[in-house]
Amino acid sequence: MTTGKGSVKFEEGFESIECGDEFISVERSGFLRRMDGLFEKLLSLLLLLLASPLFMILPLLIRLQDGGPAFYRGERLGKGKKPFDMYKFRTLVPDAESRLGGELLNHGHNLKTPLGSFLRDVRLDELPQLFNVLRGDMRFFGPRPERRAVYEEQCQHIPGYDQRFTVKPGVIGYSQVFTPHSTPKRLRASIDNNYTRRQKGIFADLGMVIFTLMFLGLDMLNKSARLVVERSLLLMRLGKVRERRGADRVRPKGSVVSLYQGEKGVYSGRIKLVDINEGHIQVRVERPLDDTPLFLRFQISSGSRWFDSGKNKAASCTAAISHVRNLPSVDGLAYSYVLKYSPVSELNRYLIDKYLIGSSVL
């Protein structure tokens, strides 16, 4: 048993969250660790055999789209900060890592390939990490491995962050399952540290992995079917496929938006949220907007999926008109706008990504 200091406190838009002054890492006996490792290697070998058709099809499709390599290999920090090469199907342009440096990928970078966006969305890009499990670099479930540049620029100053390096990184991360990619590192560190303090062995982890894979499988089928239907309808109606957007929009259910404009206060006309992505929102309004600063407040329904509590949440953003869309009037809402928005804090970004855009696994 080992102990160490690991206090984590969040500010800047987050309610105060304390992880405690001490963290405790319970080490399993050598025999149990060896059995867990053997079981994971055998399971990864079985899954590689089952996924072999994808390892033949996906590399071909990736190469065809832009001629670049099918696989990505990048250095990550593992247990004890020992570096290792992690494998993925390539989802970004070939020189993406050099362009990112120590930054985290976001929608503004515009580095995803057309196929890569889909692969990242349904997590199929992670399949080659089964080779890392087979080699013993990773486990099925654990904190996600970190790029050295990201750790040095964004994470090493976070109290308690280094606790993640007391265990092997995972193909599926605890915080990755429950939070969107844009979640601040401080919050993800708290979630991952909670996992490392309460390790229960391979079978508990395997149950979580199976549950996550079942959810991702259903999500992949849903998104694939929706993509096929949308493209088929567009081909029939327009004779061509629409231009590719940098980020696909989603239509949130059960959520409403309030609009405030300049010094005039609340927008008095009716407003309807049409769709939203990581940077823009489309709305229909009863009366035209002018160029004064805009402020949006979302009332978010978190009960759209069976495991959510159903409690409404609120998120606030500043916004500006990106462009006006000339669309027919619907239910008396004669004006359609695309607004570029910016959440007012990290907490508001997290709420929008998780509950409006639905960018987390669960």
Protein backbone atom coordinates (compact mmCIF):
# COMPACT_ATOMS: atom_id res chain seq x y z
CA MET A 1 0.00 0.00 0.00
CA THR A 2 1.37 3.41 -0.90
CA THR A 3 0.20 6.87 0.12
CA GLY A 4 0.90 10.33 -1.22
CA LYS A 5 -0.36 13.86 -1.37
CA GLY A 6 -3.10 14.42 -3.92
CA SER A 7 -5.35 17.38 -3.15
CA VAL A 8 -7.33 18.70 -6.10
CA LYS A 9 -9.51 21.79 -5.93
CA PHE A 10 -11.39 23.32 -8.85
CA GLU A 11 -12.13 26.97 -9.32
CA GLU A 12 -12.77 29.28 -12.29
CA GLY A 13 -16.38 28.41 -12.92
CA PHE A 14 -16.48 25.06 -11.12
CA GLU A 15 -17.96 24.50 -7.73
CA SER A 16 -15.31 23.60 -5.18
CA ILE A 17 -14.47 19.89 -5.43
CA GLU A 18 -12.00 18.31 -3.02
CA CYS A 19 -10.29 15.00 -3.67
CA GLY A 20 -8.80 14.91 -0.18
CA ASP A 21 -5.31 15.50 1.16
CA GLU A 22 -4.24 11.88 0.88
CA PHE A 23 -4.62 9.34 -1.85
CA ILE A 24 -4.20 5.66 -1.33
CA SER A 25 -3.15 3.21 -4.03
CA VAL A 26 -3.86 -0.40 -3.17
CA GLU A 27 -1.49 -2.74 -4.99
CA ARG A 28 -2.75 -6.21 -5.81
CA SER A 29 -0.53 -9.16 -5.02
CA GLY A 30 2.05 -10.25 -7.60
CA PHE A 31 0.10 -13.42 -8.45
CA LEU A 32 -3.16 -11.55 -9.04
CA ARG A 33 -1.39 -8.94 -11.16
CA ARG A 34 0.16 -11.67 -13.32
CA MET A 35 -3.22 -13.40 -13.72
CA ASP A 36 -4.89 -10.11 -14.66
CA GLY A 37 -2.15 -9.41 -17.21
CA LEU A 38 -2.40 -12.89 -18.74
CA PHE A 39 -6.18 -12.68 -18.97
CA GLU A 40 -6.02 -9.25 -20.65
CA LYS A 41 -3.45 -10.45 -23.20
CA LEU A 42 -5.55 -13.49 -24.10
CA LEU A 43 -8.65 -11.31 -24.39
CA SER A 44 -6.86 -8.74 -26.57
CA LEU A 45 -5.67 -11.54 -28.86
CA LEU A 46 -9.23 -12.85 -29.18
CA LEU A 47 -10.59 -9.38 -29.93
CA LEU A 48 -7.88 -8.79 -32.54
CA LEU A 49 -8.95 -11.97 -34.31
CA LEU A 50 -12.61 -10.94 -34.19
CA ALA A 51 -11.77 -7.45 -35.44
CA SER A 52 -9.49 -8.70 -38.24
CA PRO A 53 -12.01 -7.74 -41.00
CA LEU A 54 -11.87 -4.13 -39.78
CA PHE A 55 -8.07 -4.23 -39.86
CA MET A 56 -8.31 -5.10 -43.55
CA ILE A 57 -11.07 -2.63 -44.53
CA LEU A 58 -10.30 0.51 -42.50
CA PRO A 59 -6.61 0.90 -43.49
CA LEU A 60 -7.62 0.69 -47.15
CA LEU A 61 -10.30 3.38 -46.72
CA ILE A 62 -7.91 5.63 -44.77
CA ARG A 63 -5.25 5.35 -47.48
CA LEU A 64 -7.76 6.02 -50.25
CA GLN A 65 -9.06 9.25 -48.73
CA ASP A 66 -5.78 11.19 -48.80
CA GLY A 67 -2.91 8.82 -49.56
CA GLY A 68 -1.47 9.15 -46.06
CA PRO A 69 -0.52 6.31 -43.66
CA ALA A 70 -3.31 4.15 -42.29
CA PHE A 71 -1.92 3.95 -38.76
CA TYR A 72 -0.77 6.55 -36.26
CA ARG A 73 2.04 5.83 -33.83
CA GLY A 74 2.73 8.39 -31.13
CA GLU A 75 4.69 8.51 -27.90
CA ARG A 76 2.65 8.43 -24.70
CA LEU A 77 3.54 8.38 -21.02
CA GLY A 78 2.64 5.11 -19.29
CA LYS A 79 3.01 3.73 -15.79
CA GLY A 80 5.78 5.54 -13.92
CA LYS A 81 5.88 8.06 -16.80
CA LYS A 82 7.70 5.48 -18.90
CA PRO A 83 7.25 6.41 -22.59
CA PHE A 84 5.82 3.91 -25.05
CA ASP A 85 4.46 3.98 -28.61
CA MET A 86 0.67 3.94 -28.78
CA TYR A 87 -1.15 2.84 -31.95
CA LYS A 88 -4.36 4.13 -33.52
CA PHE A 89 -6.03 4.26 -36.89
CA ARG A 90 -5.09 7.66 -38.28
CA THR A 91 -7.95 10.17 -37.99
CA LEU A 92 -6.06 13.45 -38.47
CA VAL A 93 -4.02 14.93 -41.31
CA PRO A 94 -0.49 13.44 -41.44
CA ASP A 95 1.33 16.40 -39.79
CA ALA A 96 -1.33 17.04 -37.13
CA GLU A 97 0.82 16.32 -34.06
CA SER A 98 3.51 18.81 -35.04
CA ARG A 99 0.83 21.45 -35.61
CA LEU A 100 -0.87 20.74 -32.27
CA GLY A 101 2.22 20.84 -30.06
CA GLY A 102 1.02 20.87 -26.45
CA GLU A 103 -2.53 21.89 -27.31
CA LEU A 104 -5.55 19.60 -27.05
CA LEU A 105 -7.44 18.91 -30.27
CA ASN A 106 -10.59 21.00 -30.69
CA HIS A 107 -13.00 21.91 -33.47
CA GLY A 108 -11.05 25.06 -34.29
CA HIS A 109 -7.98 23.12 -35.45
CA ASN A 110 -9.79 21.59 -38.44
CA LEU A 111 -7.33 18.68 -38.58
CA LYS A 112 -9.72 15.70 -38.78
CA THR A 113 -10.03 13.75 -42.01
CA PRO A 114 -13.56 13.00 -43.34
CA LEU A 115 -13.38 9.34 -42.30
CA GLY A 116 -11.45 10.24 -39.17
CA SER A 117 -14.35 12.23 -37.74
CA PHE A 118 -16.57 9.15 -37.91
CA LEU A 119 -13.88 6.81 -36.52
CA ARG A 120 -13.23 9.12 -33.56
CA ASP A 121 -16.94 9.56 -32.97
CA VAL A 122 -17.56 5.82 -32.58
CA ARG A 123 -14.08 5.09 -31.07
CA LEU A 124 -13.06 2.63 -33.80
CA ASP A 125 -9.77 4.51 -34.10
CA GLU A 126 -8.74 3.00 -30.76
CA LEU A 127 -8.81 -0.63 -31.99
CA PRO A 128 -5.04 -0.87 -32.71
CA GLN A 129 -4.41 -0.24 -29.01
CA LEU A 130 -5.26 -3.89 -28.52
CA PHE A 131 -1.66 -4.45 -29.68
CA ASN A 132 -0.54 -2.23 -26.79
CA VAL A 133 -2.52 -4.42 -24.38
CA LEU A 134 -0.92 -7.50 -25.93
CA ARG A 135 2.52 -5.95 -25.44
CA GLY A 136 1.76 -5.05 -21.82
CA ASP A 137 1.94 -1.27 -22.29
CA MET A 138 -1.75 -0.73 -21.50
CA ARG A 139 -4.78 -2.30 -19.85
CA PHE A 140 -8.33 -2.41 -21.13
CA PHE A 141 -9.52 0.05 -18.49
CA GLY A 142 -7.53 2.85 -16.89
CA PRO A 143 -6.55 6.52 -17.22
CA ARG A 144 -5.97 7.48 -20.84
CA PRO A 145 -2.26 7.80 -21.78
CA GLU A 146 -1.00 11.36 -22.10
CA ARG A 147 1.22 13.02 -24.70
CA ARG A 148 4.43 14.32 -23.12
CA ALA A 149 3.91 17.82 -24.55
CA VAL A 150 0.36 18.03 -23.14
CA TYR A 151 1.52 16.79 -19.74
CA GLU A 152 4.40 19.27 -19.54
CA GLU A 153 2.38 22.28 -20.73
CA GLN A 154 -1.02 21.65 -19.15
CA CYS A 155 -1.01 18.91 -16.54
CA GLN A 156 2.11 18.63 -14.41
CA HIS A 157 1.08 21.63 -12.28
CA ILE A 158 -2.31 20.07 -11.39
CA PRO A 159 -2.20 18.79 -7.77
CA GLY A 160 -2.58 15.02 -7.67
CA TYR A 161 -2.38 14.58 -11.45
CA ASP A 162 0.67 12.30 -11.24
CA GLN A 163 -1.40 9.68 -9.41
CA ARG A 164 -2.53 8.40 -12.83
CA PHE A 165 1.04 7.20 -13.43
CA THR A 166 0.81 4.70 -10.55
CA VAL A 167 -1.20 2.38 -12.84
CA LYS A 168 -1.03 1.37 -16.49
CA PRO A 169 -3.05 3.55 -18.89
CA GLY A 170 -6.18 2.11 -20.46
CA VAL A 171 -7.72 1.69 -23.90
CA ILE A 172 -10.93 2.95 -22.28
CA GLY A 173 -10.58 5.69 -19.69
CA TYR A 174 -12.89 6.20 -16.74
CA SER A 175 -13.14 9.95 -17.28
CA GLN A 176 -13.31 9.40 -21.06
CA VAL A 177 -16.50 7.36 -20.64
CA PHE A 178 -18.34 9.91 -18.52
CA THR A 179 -17.09 13.27 -19.81
CA PRO A 180 -16.62 14.93 -23.22
CA HIS A 181 -13.17 15.46 -24.73
CA SER A 182 -13.20 19.19 -23.88
CA THR A 183 -13.59 18.58 -20.13
CA PRO A 184 -10.84 20.46 -18.23
CA LYS A 185 -7.89 18.31 -17.20
CA ARG A 186 -8.46 19.14 -13.52
CA LEU A 187 -11.90 17.54 -13.54
CA ARG A 188 -10.71 14.53 -15.53
CA ALA A 189 -7.81 14.10 -13.10
CA SER A 190 -10.26 13.97 -10.19
CA ILE A 191 -12.38 11.32 -11.92
CA ASP A 192 -9.37 9.18 -12.91
CA ASN A 193 -7.85 9.45 -9.43
CA ASN A 194 -11.11 8.21 -7.97
CA TYR A 195 -10.76 5.13 -10.19
CA THR A 196 -7.12 4.45 -9.31
CA ARG A 197 -7.95 4.57 -5.59
CA ARG A 198 -10.66 1.93 -6.00
CA GLN A 199 -9.24 -0.65 -8.40
CA LYS A 200 -11.16 -3.91 -8.21
CA GLY A 201 -9.30 -6.12 -10.66
CA ILE A 202 -9.83 -7.42 -14.16
CA PHE A 203 -13.39 -8.72 -13.86
CA ALA A 204 -14.83 -5.46 -12.52
CA ASP A 205 -12.98 -3.58 -15.27
CA LEU A 206 -14.15 -6.08 -17.87
CA GLY A 207 -17.77 -5.50 -16.91
CA MET A 208 -17.30 -1.77 -17.50
CA VAL A 209 -15.52 -2.42 -20.81
CA ILE A 210 -18.34 -4.70 -22.03
CA PHE A 211 -20.97 -2.15 -21.03
CA THR A 212 -19.08 0.64 -22.82
CA LEU A 213 -18.55 -1.46 -25.96
CA MET A 214 -22.26 -2.36 -26.08
CA PHE A 215 -23.18 1.32 -25.83
CA LEU A 216 -20.62 2.28 -28.51
CA GLY A 217 -21.87 -0.51 -30.78
CA LEU A 218 -25.44 0.77 -30.60
CA ASP A 219 -24.21 4.32 -31.06
CA MET A 220 -22.19 3.31 -34.12
CA LEU A 221 -25.19 1.59 -35.72
CA ASN A 222 -27.37 4.63 -35.03
CA LYS A 223 -24.86 7.11 -36.46
CA SER A 224 -24.08 4.92 -39.47
CA ALA A 225 -27.76 4.54 -40.31
CA ARG A 226 -28.36 8.26 -39.88
CA LEU A 227 -25.40 9.10 -42.13
CA VAL A 228 -26.61 6.76 -44.87
CA VAL A 229 -30.18 8.12 -44.70
CA GLU A 230 -29.06 11.76 -44.73
CA ARG A 231 -26.73 11.29 -47.69
CA SER A 232 -29.30 9.25 -49.63
CA LEU A 233 -31.99 11.90 -49.14
CA LEU A 234 -29.62 14.65 -50.21
CA LEU A 235 -28.62 12.75 -53.33
CA MET A 236 -32.27 12.24 -54.26
CA ARG A 237 -33.26 15.85 -53.57
CA LEU A 238 -30.22 17.77 -54.72
CA GLY A 239 -28.35 15.36 -56.95
CA LYS A 240 -25.23 15.90 -54.88
CA VAL A 241 -24.00 15.62 -51.32
CA ARG A 242 -23.85 18.82 -49.27
CA GLU A 243 -20.53 20.43 -48.47
CA ARG A 244 -18.72 18.83 -45.51
CA ARG A 245 -18.98 20.84 -42.32
CA GLY A 246 -16.10 21.16 -39.92
CA ALA A 247 -18.37 19.83 -37.16
CA ASP A 248 -21.71 18.11 -37.65
CA ARG A 249 -24.66 19.68 -35.91
CA VAL A 250 -26.99 17.88 -33.54
CA ARG A 251 -30.62 18.58 -32.71
CA PRO A 252 -30.95 18.46 -28.92
CA LYS A 253 -34.26 17.29 -27.51
CA GLY A 254 -36.06 18.94 -24.64
CA SER A 255 -33.71 21.93 -24.45
CA VAL A 256 -34.57 25.59 -24.96
CA VAL A 257 -32.55 28.77 -25.41
CA SER A 258 -33.16 32.29 -24.11
CA LEU A 259 -31.67 35.26 -25.94
CA TYR A 260 -30.47 38.55 -24.45
CA GLN A 261 -29.39 41.39 -26.72
CA GLY A 262 -27.21 44.35 -25.75
CA GLU A 263 -28.74 46.72 -23.23
CA LYS A 264 -32.27 45.87 -24.32
CA GLY A 265 -32.40 42.86 -22.04
CA VAL A 266 -34.42 39.76 -22.89
CA TYR A 267 -35.32 39.27 -26.53
CA SER A 268 -39.09 39.64 -26.46
CA GLY A 269 -39.90 37.58 -29.55
CA ARG A 270 -40.18 33.82 -29.78
CA ILE A 271 -37.00 31.84 -30.39
CA LYS A 272 -36.38 28.20 -31.31
CA LEU A 273 -33.14 26.23 -31.07
CA VAL A 274 -32.69 24.35 -34.38
CA ASP A 275 -29.28 22.69 -34.04
CA ILE A 276 -25.86 23.17 -32.49
CA ASN A 277 -22.23 22.08 -32.80
CA GLU A 278 -19.02 22.88 -30.90
CA GLY A 279 -18.86 26.46 -32.13
CA HIS A 280 -22.13 27.51 -33.74
CA ILE A 281 -25.86 27.37 -33.09
CA GLN A 282 -28.73 27.83 -35.52
CA VAL A 283 -31.86 29.55 -34.23
CA ARG A 284 -35.17 30.72 -35.68
CA VAL A 285 -36.59 33.95 -34.28
CA GLU A 286 -39.78 35.94 -34.66
CA ARG A 287 -38.13 39.34 -35.21
CA PRO A 288 -34.76 40.26 -36.74
CA LEU A 289 -31.62 40.67 -34.66
CA ASP A 290 -29.23 43.60 -34.93
CA ASP A 291 -25.45 43.78 -34.46
CA THR A 292 -25.47 44.44 -30.72
CA PRO A 293 -23.71 41.87 -28.47
CA LEU A 294 -25.74 38.73 -27.77
CA PHE A 295 -25.97 36.56 -24.67
CA LEU A 296 -27.46 33.03 -24.74
CA ARG A 297 -28.72 30.95 -21.84
CA PHE A 298 -29.50 27.29 -22.46
CA GLN A 299 -31.95 25.36 -20.31
CA ILE A 300 -30.60 21.87 -20.88
CA SER A 301 -32.60 18.70 -20.36
CA SER A 302 -30.18 16.07 -19.01
CA GLY A 303 -32.78 13.31 -19.06
CA SER A 304 -32.68 12.55 -22.77
CA ARG A 305 -30.90 9.24 -22.08
CA TRP A 306 -32.02 6.55 -19.68
CA PHE A 307 -29.07 6.86 -17.30
CA ASP A 308 -29.40 10.64 -16.80
CA SER A 309 -31.10 12.12 -13.76
CA GLY A 310 -33.56 14.16 -15.81
CA LYS A 311 -32.73 17.37 -13.93
CA ASN A 312 -32.50 20.52 -16.04
CA LYS A 313 -29.17 22.33 -16.17
CA ALA A 314 -28.28 25.81 -17.37
CA ALA A 315 -25.35 27.05 -19.44
CA SER A 316 -24.52 30.61 -20.51
CA CYS A 317 -22.64 31.92 -23.55
CA THR A 318 -21.77 35.09 -25.36
CA ALA A 319 -22.62 35.07 -29.07
CA ALA A 320 -22.40 37.01 -32.31
CA ILE A 321 -24.18 36.67 -35.66
CA SER A 322 -22.14 34.50 -38.03
CA HIS A 323 -24.54 34.67 -40.98
CA VAL A 324 -28.21 34.94 -41.85
CA ARG A 325 -30.01 32.04 -43.55
CA ASN A 326 -32.81 32.78 -45.98
CA LEU A 327 -35.32 30.08 -45.12
CA PRO A 328 -39.12 30.00 -45.35
CA SER A 329 -41.03 31.08 -42.26
CA VAL A 330 -42.02 28.22 -39.92
CA ASP A 331 -44.71 28.72 -37.25
CA GLY A 332 -44.35 32.47 -37.53
CA LEU A 333 -40.56 32.34 -36.99
CA ALA A 334 -39.50 34.21 -40.09
CA TYR A 335 -35.77 34.77 -39.45
CA SER A 336 -33.01 32.18 -39.26
CA TYR A 337 -29.53 32.92 -37.91
CA VAL A 338 -26.32 30.98 -37.35
CA LEU A 339 -24.64 32.36 -34.23
CA LYS A 340 -21.04 31.81 -33.19
CA TYR A 341 -21.06 31.23 -29.43
CA SER A 342 -18.48 31.08 -26.65
CA PRO A 343 -19.28 29.58 -23.21
CA VAL A 344 -18.55 31.98 -20.35
CA SER A 345 -16.62 29.41 -18.29
CA GLU A 346 -15.17 25.90 -18.36
CA LEU A 347 -18.19 24.57 -16.51
CA ASN A 348 -20.55 25.96 -19.16
CA ARG A 349 -18.41 24.43 -21.94
CA TYR A 350 -18.59 21.07 -20.16
CA LEU A 351 -22.40 21.24 -19.78
CA ILE A 352 -22.93 22.14 -23.44
CA ASP A 353 -20.59 19.44 -24.73
CA LYS A 354 -21.99 16.70 -22.50
CA TYR A 355 -25.72 17.41 -22.51
CA LEU A 356 -26.45 19.47 -25.63
CA ILE A 357 -23.91 18.09 -28.09
CA GLY A 358 -23.61 14.66 -26.44
CA SER A 359 -19.89 14.32 -27.11
CA SER A 360 -19.11 11.99 -24.19
CA VAL A 361 -19.42 8.21 -24.51
CA LEU A 362 -22.16 7.98 -21.86
